[in-house]
Amino acid sequence: MSITSIINIMKVTQGNIFCRVVWSFRIVLRCGRLIMIQKIID
């Protein structure tokens, strides 16, 4: 996919899907870090 097509899709969906993907990715990273820290402590 080219950058222009991605921008067009974001314009059509108003970036809602993109924001959801980014936020879900951040939540997964945070949960992963917490699990890793707990494993290291244990």
Protein backbone atom coordinates (compact mmCIF):
# COMPACT_ATOMS: atom_id res chain seq x y z
CA MET A 1 0.00 0.00 0.00
CA SER A 2 1.23 3.48 -0.84
CA ILE A 3 1.20 6.41 1.57
CA THR A 4 -1.45 8.23 -0.47
CA SER A 5 -3.83 5.26 -0.32
CA ILE A 6 -3.34 5.02 3.45
CA ILE A 7 -4.07 8.74 3.81
CA ASN A 8 -7.20 8.36 1.66
CA ILE A 9 -8.42 5.46 3.81
CA MET A 10 -7.78 7.48 6.96
CA LYS A 11 -9.77 10.36 5.48
CA VAL A 12 -12.69 8.05 4.67
CA THR A 13 -12.73 6.38 8.07
CA GLN A 14 -11.71 9.60 9.85
CA GLY A 15 -8.80 7.63 11.32
CA ASN A 16 -11.06 5.72 13.72
CA ILE A 17 -9.78 2.27 12.74
CA PHE A 18 -6.17 3.48 12.75
CA CYS A 19 -6.59 4.97 16.25
CA ARG A 20 -8.13 1.74 17.52
CA VAL A 21 -5.24 -0.29 16.14
CA VAL A 22 -2.67 2.07 17.67
CA TRP A 23 -4.37 2.11 21.08
CA SER A 24 -4.84 -1.68 21.14
CA PHE A 25 -1.17 -2.08 20.19
CA ARG A 26 -0.13 0.25 23.03
CA ILE A 27 -2.31 -1.65 25.52
CA VAL A 28 -0.77 -4.96 24.40
CA LEU A 29 2.73 -3.51 24.84
CA ARG A 30 1.89 -2.23 28.32
CA CYS A 31 0.39 -5.57 29.39
CA GLY A 32 3.40 -7.38 27.94
CA ARG A 33 5.81 -5.18 29.89
CA LEU A 34 3.87 -5.69 33.13
CA ILE A 35 3.90 -9.47 32.62
CA MET A 36 7.63 -9.46 31.88
CA ILE A 37 8.34 -7.36 34.98
CA GLN A 38 6.25 -9.67 37.16
CA LYS A 39 8.08 -12.71 35.77
CA ILE A 40 11.45 -11.09 36.49
CA ILE A 41 10.37 -10.19 40.06
CA ASP A 42 8.98 -13.68 40.68
